[in-house]
Protein backbone atom coordinates (compact mmCIF):
# COMPACT_ATOMS: atom_id res chain seq x y z
CA MET A 1 0.00 0.00 0.00
CA SER A 2 1.24 3.44 -0.87
CA TYR A 3 0.61 6.95 0.32
CA TYR A 4 1.03 10.28 -1.43
CA GLN A 5 2.16 13.46 0.29
CA CYS A 6 0.05 16.07 -1.49
CA ASP A 7 -0.36 19.81 -1.76
CA ILE A 8 -4.13 20.28 -1.91
CA LYS A 9 -6.16 23.38 -2.75
CA PHE A 10 -9.82 23.88 -1.92
CA LYS A 11 -11.56 25.30 -4.97
CA ASP A 12 -13.96 27.58 -3.10
CA ASP A 13 -11.43 29.71 -1.25
CA ASP A 14 -8.02 28.73 -2.70
CA THR A 15 -6.75 27.51 0.70
CA ILE A 16 -3.66 25.35 0.16
CA PHE A 17 -2.46 22.75 2.65
CA GLU A 18 -0.34 19.61 2.81
CA SER A 19 -1.98 16.25 3.52
CA ILE A 20 -1.92 12.51 2.80
CA VAL A 21 -3.84 10.63 0.11
CA LYS A 22 -3.89 6.86 0.48
CA ASP A 23 -3.62 4.62 -2.59
CA SER A 24 -6.16 2.17 -1.17
CA VAL A 25 -9.74 2.32 0.05
CA ASP A 26 -8.93 0.10 3.04
CA ILE A 27 -9.39 2.04 6.26
CA ILE A 28 -7.03 1.10 9.08
CA GLU A 29 -8.08 2.06 12.60
CA GLY A 30 -5.74 4.63 14.09
CA GLU A 31 -4.62 5.81 10.67
CA ASP A 32 -7.88 7.37 9.49
CA ASP A 33 -7.31 10.74 11.17
CA LYS A 34 -4.09 11.18 9.17
CA ILE A 35 -5.62 10.47 5.74
CA PHE A 36 -7.32 13.25 3.78
CA TYR A 37 -8.61 11.09 0.91
CA TYR A 38 -8.69 7.43 -0.15
CA CYS A 39 -8.32 6.48 -3.81
CA GLU A 40 -7.89 3.45 -6.01
CA GLY A 41 -4.66 3.86 -7.92
CA LEU A 42 -2.45 6.44 -9.52
CA THR A 43 -4.98 7.13 -12.27
CA GLU A 44 -7.47 8.43 -9.71
CA ILE A 45 -4.80 10.61 -8.09
CA GLU A 46 -3.88 12.03 -11.50
CA ASN A 47 -7.56 12.77 -12.16
CA LEU A 48 -7.72 14.74 -8.92
CA THR A 49 -5.12 17.14 -10.36
CA LYS A 50 -7.65 18.27 -12.98
CA GLU A 51 -9.86 21.28 -12.34
CA ASP A 52 -13.00 19.37 -13.42
CA ASN A 53 -12.38 16.36 -11.13
CA GLY A 54 -15.84 16.42 -9.50
CA GLU A 55 -14.44 17.17 -6.03
CA ASP A 56 -14.27 20.42 -4.05
CA PHE A 57 -10.48 20.24 -3.99
CA LEU A 58 -7.58 19.94 -6.41
CA ILE A 59 -4.25 18.14 -5.92
CA LEU A 60 -1.53 20.58 -6.94
CA SER A 61 1.39 18.17 -6.49
CA TYR A 62 2.07 14.74 -5.03
CA THR A 63 5.01 12.59 -3.99
CA LYS A 64 4.75 8.86 -3.37
CA THR A 65 5.82 7.55 0.04
CA GLU A 66 5.53 4.17 1.71
CA THR A 67 4.79 5.51 5.21
CA ILE A 68 2.81 8.34 6.71
């Protein structure tokens, strides 16, 4: 399982922050409060970098990491 350290921007007010996106939809107790978003693969993460991604946020950049 992989994680992505991401710079995320909310579309409504342009707030930018750093958070974790998990490359899995499996929720692990004790880890959930550290994860901003769960996805299914790199393709979904790449789609979240597009302005018309259907979410209220946009991933500006991401770096793969094995731990959080």
